Amino acid sequence: MDSAAIYEKLTPVFRDVLDDDALELTPALTAKDVDEWDSLTHVRLILSVEKALGIHFATAELAQFENVGQLADMIADKLGDA
């Protein structure tokens, strides 16, 4: 799955969990950029991403990403498109 396809899959998940139909994902987007993105929402977001893409993140992996771009890269790695 290429980067564009990953963002295409992530966008509706982020919009649903963060309850923002206008949210545009960019590689630099962080929790600090979205008012509704707190620690509890972060957990819901990760669980929803895992379910939507059929992948699983280890706890150590979750501590590594700081923005949506790093999350997308990690997803690409898991899906074999590093």
PDB file of N, CA and C in Angstrom:
ATOM      1  N   MET A   1       0.854  -1.176   0.000  1.00  0.00           N
ATOM      2  CA  MET A   1       0.000   0.000   0.000  1.00  0.00           C
ATOM      3  C   MET A   1       0.902   1.242   0.000  1.00  0.00           C
ATOM      4  N   ASP A   2       0.684   2.126  -0.951  1.00  0.00           N
ATOM      5  CA  ASP A   2       1.525   3.321  -1.024  1.00  0.00           C
ATOM      6  C   ASP A   2       1.024   4.394  -0.059  1.00  0.00           C
ATOM      7  N   SER A   3       1.791   5.451   0.060  1.00  0.00           N
ATOM      8  CA  SER A   3       1.506   6.514   1.020  1.00  0.00           C
ATOM      9  C   SER A   3       0.123   7.129   0.796  1.00  0.00           C
ATOM     10  N   ALA A   4      -0.238   7.387  -0.445  1.00  0.00           N
ATOM     11  CA  ALA A   4      -1.547   7.984  -0.734  1.00  0.00           C
ATOM     12  C   ALA A   4      -2.677   7.064  -0.290  1.00  0.00           C
ATOM     13  N   ALA A   5      -2.513   5.772  -0.507  1.00  0.00           N
ATOM     14  CA  ALA A   5      -3.544   4.806  -0.106  1.00  0.00           C
ATOM     15  C   ALA A   5      -3.647   4.727   1.412  1.00  0.00           C
ATOM     16  N   ILE A   6      -2.514   4.829   2.099  1.00  0.00           N
ATOM     17  CA  ILE A   6      -2.533   4.815   3.565  1.00  0.00           C
ATOM     18  C   ILE A   6      -3.306   6.025   4.085  1.00  0.00           C
ATOM     19  N   TYR A   7      -3.015   7.202   3.549  1.00  0.00           N
ATOM     20  CA  TYR A   7      -3.740   8.408   3.980  1.00  0.00           C
ATOM     21  C   TYR A   7      -5.219   8.313   3.639  1.00  0.00           C
ATOM     22  N   GLU A   8      -5.543   7.675   2.528  1.00  0.00           N
ATOM     23  CA  GLU A   8      -6.936   7.492   2.128  1.00  0.00           C
ATOM     24  C   GLU A   8      -7.673   6.621   3.148  1.00  0.00           C
ATOM     25  N   LYS A   9      -6.971   5.627   3.687  1.00  0.00           N
ATOM     26  CA  LYS A   9      -7.557   4.761   4.716  1.00  0.00           C
ATOM     27  C   LYS A   9      -7.599   5.456   6.079  1.00  0.00           C
ATOM     28  N   LEU A  10      -6.559   6.231   6.396  1.00  0.00           N
ATOM     29  CA  LEU A  10      -6.475   6.882   7.706  1.00  0.00           C
ATOM     30  C   LEU A  10      -7.462   8.033   7.869  1.00  0.00           C
ATOM     31  N   THR A  11      -7.686   8.788   6.811  1.00  0.00           N
ATOM     32  CA  THR A  11      -8.507   9.996   6.914  1.00  0.00           C
ATOM     33  C   THR A  11      -9.893   9.733   7.500  1.00  0.00           C
ATOM     34  N   PRO A  12     -10.658   8.755   6.986  1.00  0.00           N
ATOM     35  CA  PRO A  12     -11.985   8.550   7.593  1.00  0.00           C
ATOM     36  C   PRO A  12     -11.918   8.064   9.041  1.00  0.00           C
ATOM     37  N   VAL A  13     -10.864   7.325   9.389  1.00  0.00           N
ATOM     38  CA  VAL A  13     -10.706   6.865  10.770  1.00  0.00           C
ATOM     39  C   VAL A  13     -10.470   8.062  11.690  1.00  0.00           C
ATOM     40  N   PHE A  14      -9.538   8.928  11.318  1.00  0.00           N
ATOM     41  CA  PHE A  14      -9.249  10.119  12.114  1.00  0.00           C
ATOM     42  C   PHE A  14     -10.481  11.021  12.200  1.00  0.00           C
ATOM     43  N   ARG A  15     -11.174  11.211  11.084  1.00  0.00           N
ATOM     44  CA  ARG A  15     -12.358  12.071  11.086  1.00  0.00           C
ATOM     45  C   ARG A  15     -13.442  11.521  11.996  1.00  0.00           C
ATOM     46  N   ASP A  16     -13.624  10.212  11.996  1.00  0.00           N
ATOM     47  CA  ASP A  16     -14.642   9.587  12.834  1.00  0.00           C
ATOM     48  C   ASP A  16     -14.278   9.699  14.311  1.00  0.00           C
ATOM     49  N   VAL A  17     -13.066   9.289  14.667  1.00  0.00           N
ATOM     50  CA  VAL A  17     -12.653   9.285  16.071  1.00  0.00           C
ATOM     51  C   VAL A  17     -12.575  10.706  16.635  1.00  0.00           C
ATOM     52  N   LEU A  18     -12.063  11.632  15.839  1.00  0.00           N
ATOM     53  CA  LEU A  18     -11.912  13.013  16.301  1.00  0.00           C
ATOM     54  C   LEU A  18     -13.163  13.861  16.057  1.00  0.00           C
ATOM     55  N   ASP A  19     -14.180  13.243  15.441  1.00  0.00           N
ATOM     56  CA  ASP A  19     -15.458  13.905  15.172  1.00  0.00           C
ATOM     57  C   ASP A  19     -15.273  15.230  14.443  1.00  0.00           C
ATOM     58  N   ASP A  20     -14.494  15.169  13.350  1.00  0.00           N
ATOM     59  CA  ASP A  20     -14.210  16.365  12.551  1.00  0.00           C
ATOM     60  C   ASP A  20     -14.194  15.973  11.077  1.00  0.00           C
ATOM     61  N   ASP A  21     -15.330  16.174  10.409  1.00  0.00           N
ATOM     62  CA  ASP A  21     -15.467  15.774   9.005  1.00  0.00           C
ATOM     63  C   ASP A  21     -14.592  16.576   8.057  1.00  0.00           C
ATOM     64  N   ALA A  22     -14.043  17.685   8.510  1.00  0.00           N
ATOM     65  CA  ALA A  22     -13.216  18.531   7.652  1.00  0.00           C
ATOM     66  C   ALA A  22     -11.724  18.318   7.898  1.00  0.00           C
ATOM     67  N   LEU A  23     -11.371  17.444   8.822  1.00  0.00           N
ATOM     68  CA  LEU A  23      -9.962  17.234   9.169  1.00  0.00           C
ATOM     69  C   LEU A  23      -9.169  16.751   7.956  1.00  0.00           C
ATOM     70  N   GLU A  24      -8.074  17.427   7.675  1.00  0.00           N
ATOM     71  CA  GLU A  24      -7.175  17.044   6.598  1.00  0.00           C
ATOM     72  C   GLU A  24      -5.883  16.520   7.215  1.00  0.00           C
ATOM     73  N   LEU A  25      -5.548  15.285   6.905  1.00  0.00           N
ATOM     74  CA  LEU A  25      -4.319  14.693   7.437  1.00  0.00           C
ATOM     75  C   LEU A  25      -3.118  15.143   6.622  1.00  0.00           C
ATOM     76  N   THR A  26      -2.083  15.539   7.342  1.00  0.00           N
ATOM     77  CA  THR A  26      -0.799  15.856   6.720  1.00  0.00           C
ATOM     78  C   THR A  26       0.268  15.113   7.503  1.00  0.00           C
ATOM     79  N   PRO A  27       1.418  14.877   6.898  1.00  0.00           N
ATOM     80  CA  PRO A  27       2.484  14.167   7.621  1.00  0.00           C
ATOM     81  C   PRO A  27       2.903  14.876   8.911  1.00  0.00           C
ATOM     82  N   ALA A  28       2.815  16.179   8.967  1.00  0.00           N
ATOM     83  CA  ALA A  28       3.272  16.932  10.133  1.00  0.00           C
ATOM     84  C   ALA A  28       2.207  17.075  11.227  1.00  0.00           C
ATOM     85  N   LEU A  29       0.975  16.626  10.977  1.00  0.00           N
ATOM     86  CA  LEU A  29      -0.108  16.780  11.944  1.00  0.00           C
ATOM     87  C   LEU A  29       0.208  16.030  13.238  1.00  0.00           C
ATOM     88  N   THR A  30       0.002  16.714  14.378  1.00  0.00           N
ATOM     89  CA  THR A  30       0.216  16.099  15.689  1.00  0.00           C
ATOM     90  C   THR A  30      -1.022  16.318  16.559  1.00  0.00           C
ATOM     91  N   ALA A  31      -1.032  15.658  17.710  1.00  0.00           N
ATOM     92  CA  ALA A  31      -2.142  15.818  18.651  1.00  0.00           C
ATOM     93  C   ALA A  31      -2.279  17.270  19.095  1.00  0.00           C
ATOM     94  N   LYS A  32      -1.170  18.001  19.153  1.00  0.00           N
ATOM     95  CA  LYS A  32      -1.215  19.404  19.568  1.00  0.00           C
ATOM     96  C   LYS A  32      -2.000  20.267  18.580  1.00  0.00           C
ATOM     97  N   ASP A  33      -2.131  19.800  17.342  1.00  0.00           N
ATOM     98  CA  ASP A  33      -2.819  20.564  16.299  1.00  0.00           C
ATOM     99  C   ASP A  33      -4.338  20.381  16.319  1.00  0.00           C
ATOM    100  N   VAL A  34      -4.827  19.394  17.069  1.00  0.00           N
ATOM    101  CA  VAL A  34      -6.251  19.062  17.058  1.00  0.00           C
ATOM    102  C   VAL A  34      -6.779  19.090  18.496  1.00  0.00           C
ATOM    103  N   ASP A  35      -7.685  20.012  18.775  1.00  0.00           N
ATOM    104  CA  ASP A  35      -8.200  20.195  20.139  1.00  0.00           C
ATOM    105  C   ASP A  35      -8.760  18.912  20.750  1.00  0.00           C
ATOM    106  N   GLU A  36      -9.462  18.128  19.957  1.00  0.00           N
ATOM    107  CA  GLU A  36     -10.133  16.935  20.468  1.00  0.00           C
ATOM    108  C   GLU A  36      -9.185  15.744  20.684  1.00  0.00           C
ATOM    109  N   TRP A  37      -7.926  15.867  20.282  1.00  0.00           N
ATOM    110  CA  TRP A  37      -6.986  14.750  20.314  1.00  0.00           C
ATOM    111  C   TRP A  37      -6.249  14.746  21.654  1.00  0.00           C
ATOM    112  N   ASP A  38      -6.855  14.093  22.653  1.00  0.00           N
ATOM    113  CA  ASP A  38      -6.226  13.955  23.953  1.00  0.00           C
ATOM    114  C   ASP A  38      -5.738  12.513  24.123  1.00  0.00           C
ATOM    115  N   SER A  39      -5.265  12.165  25.305  1.00  0.00           N
ATOM    116  CA  SER A  39      -4.666  10.840  25.501  1.00  0.00           C
ATOM    117  C   SER A  39      -5.686   9.714  25.336  1.00  0.00           C
ATOM    118  N   LEU A  40      -6.905   9.903  25.810  1.00  0.00           N
ATOM    119  CA  LEU A  40      -7.930   8.877  25.649  1.00  0.00           C
ATOM    120  C   LEU A  40      -8.315   8.730  24.178  1.00  0.00           C
ATOM    121  N   THR A  41      -8.464   9.837  23.503  1.00  0.00           N
ATOM    122  CA  THR A  41      -8.781   9.813  22.081  1.00  0.00           C
ATOM    123  C   THR A  41      -7.652   9.161  21.301  1.00  0.00           C
ATOM    124  N   HIS A  42      -6.416   9.370  21.740  1.00  0.00           N
ATOM    125  CA  HIS A  42      -5.262   8.758  21.077  1.00  0.00           C
ATOM    126  C   HIS A  42      -5.372   7.231  21.110  1.00  0.00           C
ATOM    127  N   VAL A  43      -5.756   6.687  22.255  1.00  0.00           N
ATOM    128  CA  VAL A  43      -5.923   5.239  22.387  1.00  0.00           C
ATOM    129  C   VAL A  43      -7.022   4.754  21.441  1.00  0.00           C
ATOM    130  N   ARG A  44      -8.150   5.460  21.423  1.00  0.00           N
ATOM    131  CA  ARG A  44      -9.248   5.095  20.521  1.00  0.00           C
ATOM    132  C   ARG A  44      -8.809   5.179  19.063  1.00  0.00           C
ATOM    133  N   LEU A  45      -8.022   6.183  18.759  1.00  0.00           N
ATOM    134  CA  LEU A  45      -7.525   6.383  17.403  1.00  0.00           C
ATOM    135  C   LEU A  45      -6.649   5.211  16.967  1.00  0.00           C
ATOM    136  N   ILE A  46      -5.695   4.832  17.808  1.00  0.00           N
ATOM    137  CA  ILE A  46      -4.793   3.725  17.472  1.00  0.00           C
ATOM    138  C   ILE A  46      -5.572   2.423  17.317  1.00  0.00           C
ATOM    139  N   LEU A  47      -6.490   2.152  18.226  1.00  0.00           N
ATOM    140  CA  LEU A  47      -7.298   0.931  18.121  1.00  0.00           C
ATOM    141  C   LEU A  47      -8.117   0.925  16.831  1.00  0.00           C
ATOM    142  N   SER A  48      -8.657   2.069  16.468  1.00  0.00           N
ATOM    143  CA  SER A  48      -9.446   2.171  15.236  1.00  0.00           C
ATOM    144  C   SER A  48      -8.575   1.986  13.998  1.00  0.00           C
ATOM    145  N   VAL A  49      -7.365   2.536  14.019  1.00  0.00           N
ATOM    146  CA  VAL A  49      -6.428   2.364  12.902  1.00  0.00           C
ATOM    147  C   VAL A  49      -6.055   0.888  12.769  1.00  0.00           C
ATOM    148  N   GLU A  50      -5.765   0.251  13.892  1.00  0.00           N
ATOM    149  CA  GLU A  50      -5.415  -1.177  13.855  1.00  0.00           C
ATOM    150  C   GLU A  50      -6.546  -1.996  13.245  1.00  0.00           C
ATOM    151  N   LYS A  51      -7.761  -1.729  13.672  1.00  0.00           N
ATOM    152  CA  LYS A  51      -8.919  -2.471  13.165  1.00  0.00           C
ATOM    153  C   LYS A  51      -9.140  -2.207  11.679  1.00  0.00           C
ATOM    154  N   ALA A  52      -9.069  -0.944  11.280  1.00  0.00           N
ATOM    155  CA  ALA A  52      -9.332  -0.576   9.884  1.00  0.00           C
ATOM    156  C   ALA A  52      -8.306  -1.170   8.922  1.00  0.00           C
ATOM    157  N   LEU A  53      -7.062  -1.294   9.379  1.00  0.00           N
ATOM    158  CA  LEU A  53      -5.996  -1.757   8.493  1.00  0.00           C
ATOM    159  C   LEU A  53      -5.567  -3.194   8.758  1.00  0.00           C
ATOM    160  N   GLY A  54      -6.143  -3.827   9.768  1.00  0.00           N
ATOM    161  CA  GLY A  54      -5.814  -5.216  10.066  1.00  0.00           C
ATOM    162  C   GLY A  54      -4.377  -5.399  10.532  1.00  0.00           C
ATOM    163  N   ILE A  55      -3.887  -4.448  11.319  1.00  0.00           N
ATOM    164  CA  ILE A  55      -2.516  -4.520  11.827  1.00  0.00           C
ATOM    165  C   ILE A  55      -2.549  -4.357  13.344  1.00  0.00           C
ATOM    166  N   HIS A  56      -1.388  -4.562  13.980  1.00  0.00           N
ATOM    167  CA  HIS A  56      -1.279  -4.378  15.427  1.00  0.00           C
ATOM    168  C   HIS A  56       0.038  -3.692  15.736  1.00  0.00           C
ATOM    169  N   PHE A  57      -0.026  -2.725  16.629  1.00  0.00           N
ATOM    170  CA  PHE A  57       1.172  -2.026  17.075  1.00  0.00           C
ATOM    171  C   PHE A  57       1.576  -2.522  18.448  1.00  0.00           C
ATOM    172  N   ALA A  58       2.867  -2.748  18.648  1.00  0.00           N
ATOM    173  CA  ALA A  58       3.395  -3.042  19.971  1.00  0.00           C
ATOM    174  C   ALA A  58       3.471  -1.720  20.738  1.00  0.00           C
ATOM    175  N   THR A  59       3.407  -1.795  22.049  1.00  0.00           N
ATOM    176  CA  THR A  59       3.463  -0.593  22.874  1.00  0.00           C
ATOM    177  C   THR A  59       4.714   0.228  22.568  1.00  0.00           C
ATOM    178  N   ALA A  60       5.845  -0.440  22.402  1.00  0.00           N
ATOM    179  CA  ALA A  60       7.101   0.265  22.107  1.00  0.00           C
ATOM    180  C   ALA A  60       7.016   1.026  20.787  1.00  0.00           C
ATOM    181  N   GLU A  61       6.308   0.473  19.821  1.00  0.00           N
ATOM    182  CA  GLU A  61       6.162   1.151  18.530  1.00  0.00           C
ATOM    183  C   GLU A  61       5.354   2.441  18.677  1.00  0.00           C
ATOM    184  N   LEU A  62       4.347   2.411  19.518  1.00  0.00           N
ATOM    185  CA  LEU A  62       3.484   3.572  19.689  1.00  0.00           C
ATOM    186  C   LEU A  62       4.234   4.750  20.279  1.00  0.00           C
ATOM    187  N   ALA A  63       5.235   4.475  21.074  1.00  0.00           N
ATOM    188  CA  ALA A  63       6.018   5.549  21.685  1.00  0.00           C
ATOM    189  C   ALA A  63       6.948   6.219  20.679  1.00  0.00           C
ATOM    190  N   GLN A  64       7.129   5.594  19.522  1.00  0.00           N
ATOM    191  CA  GLN A  64       8.085   6.101  18.538  1.00  0.00           C
ATOM    192  C   GLN A  64       7.527   7.188  17.640  1.00  0.00           C
ATOM    193  N   PHE A  65       6.235   7.209  17.404  1.00  0.00           N
ATOM    194  CA  PHE A  65       5.752   8.185  16.431  1.00  0.00           C
ATOM    195  C   PHE A  65       5.289   9.468  17.090  1.00  0.00           C
ATOM    196  N   GLU A  66       5.621  10.572  16.431  1.00  0.00           N
ATOM    197  CA  GLU A  66       5.310  11.902  16.954  1.00  0.00           C
ATOM    198  C   GLU A  66       4.326  12.668  16.077  1.00  0.00           C
ATOM    199  N   ASN A  67       4.057  12.150  14.874  1.00  0.00           N
ATOM    200  CA  ASN A  67       3.125  12.829  13.973  1.00  0.00           C
ATOM    201  C   ASN A  67       2.484  11.808  13.040  1.00  0.00           C
ATOM    202  N   VAL A  68       1.542  12.246  12.256  1.00  0.00           N
ATOM    203  CA  VAL A  68       0.804  11.349  11.362  1.00  0.00           C
ATOM    204  C   VAL A  68       1.733  10.738  10.313  1.00  0.00           C
ATOM    205  N   GLY A  69       2.718  11.497   9.855  1.00  0.00           N
ATOM    206  CA  GLY A  69       3.660  10.975   8.868  1.00  0.00           C
ATOM    207  C   GLY A  69       4.430   9.777   9.389  1.00  0.00           C
ATOM    208  N   GLN A  70       4.862   9.841  10.641  1.00  0.00           N
ATOM    209  CA  GLN A  70       5.582   8.710  11.231  1.00  0.00           C
ATOM    210  C   GLN A  70       4.646   7.523  11.426  1.00  0.00           C
ATOM    211  N   LEU A  71       3.396   7.781  11.770  1.00  0.00           N
ATOM    212  CA  LEU A  71       2.411   6.700  11.865  1.00  0.00           C
ATOM    213  C   LEU A  71       2.224   6.045  10.504  1.00  0.00           C
ATOM    214  N   ALA A  72       2.085   6.845   9.461  1.00  0.00           N
ATOM    215  CA  ALA A  72       1.915   6.312   8.102  1.00  0.00           C
ATOM    216  C   ALA A  72       3.127   5.487   7.685  1.00  0.00           C
ATOM    217  N   ASP A  73       4.329   5.950   8.034  1.00  0.00           N
ATOM    218  CA  ASP A  73       5.544   5.189   7.721  1.00  0.00           C
ATOM    219  C   ASP A  73       5.550   3.847   8.442  1.00  0.00           C
ATOM    220  N   MET A  74       5.114   3.844   9.703  1.00  0.00           N
ATOM    221  CA  MET A  74       5.071   2.614  10.478  1.00  0.00           C
ATOM    222  C   MET A  74       4.056   1.636   9.874  1.00  0.00           C
ATOM    223  N   ILE A  75       2.937   2.169   9.414  1.00  0.00           N
ATOM    224  CA  ILE A  75       1.922   1.341   8.758  1.00  0.00           C
ATOM    225  C   ILE A  75       2.502   0.741   7.480  1.00  0.00           C
ATOM    226  N   ALA A  76       3.189   1.552   6.696  1.00  0.00           N
ATOM    227  CA  ALA A  76       3.818   1.067   5.457  1.00  0.00           C
ATOM    228  C   ALA A  76       4.794  -0.060   5.768  1.00  0.00           C
ATOM    229  N   ASP A  77       5.590   0.093   6.826  1.00  0.00           N
ATOM    230  CA  ASP A  77       6.514  -0.957   7.246  1.00  0.00           C
ATOM    231  C   ASP A  77       5.767  -2.247   7.578  1.00  0.00           C
ATOM    232  N   LYS A  78       4.681  -2.121   8.319  1.00  0.00           N
ATOM    233  CA  LYS A  78       3.911  -3.300   8.714  1.00  0.00           C
ATOM    234  C   LYS A  78       3.267  -3.979   7.512  1.00  0.00           C
ATOM    235  N   LEU A  79       2.924  -3.186   6.520  1.00  0.00           N
ATOM    236  CA  LEU A  79       2.268  -3.746   5.340  1.00  0.00           C
ATOM    237  C   LEU A  79       3.280  -4.161   4.257  1.00  0.00           C
ATOM    238  N   GLY A  80       4.565  -3.990   4.579  1.00  0.00           N
ATOM    239  CA  GLY A  80       5.612  -4.457   3.670  1.00  0.00           C
ATOM    240  C   GLY A  80       5.989  -3.505   2.559  1.00  0.00           C
ATOM    241  N   ASP A  81       5.675  -2.217   2.719  1.00  0.00           N
ATOM    242  CA  ASP A  81       6.003  -1.245   1.682  1.00  0.00           C
ATOM    243  C   ASP A  81       6.992  -0.198   2.208  1.00  0.00           C
ATOM    244  N   ALA A  82       7.956  -0.631   2.969  1.00  0.00           N
ATOM    245  CA  ALA A  82       8.922   0.316   3.552  1.00  0.00           C
ATOM    246  C   ALA A  82       9.800   0.904   2.492  1.00  0.00           C
TER     247      ALA A  82
END
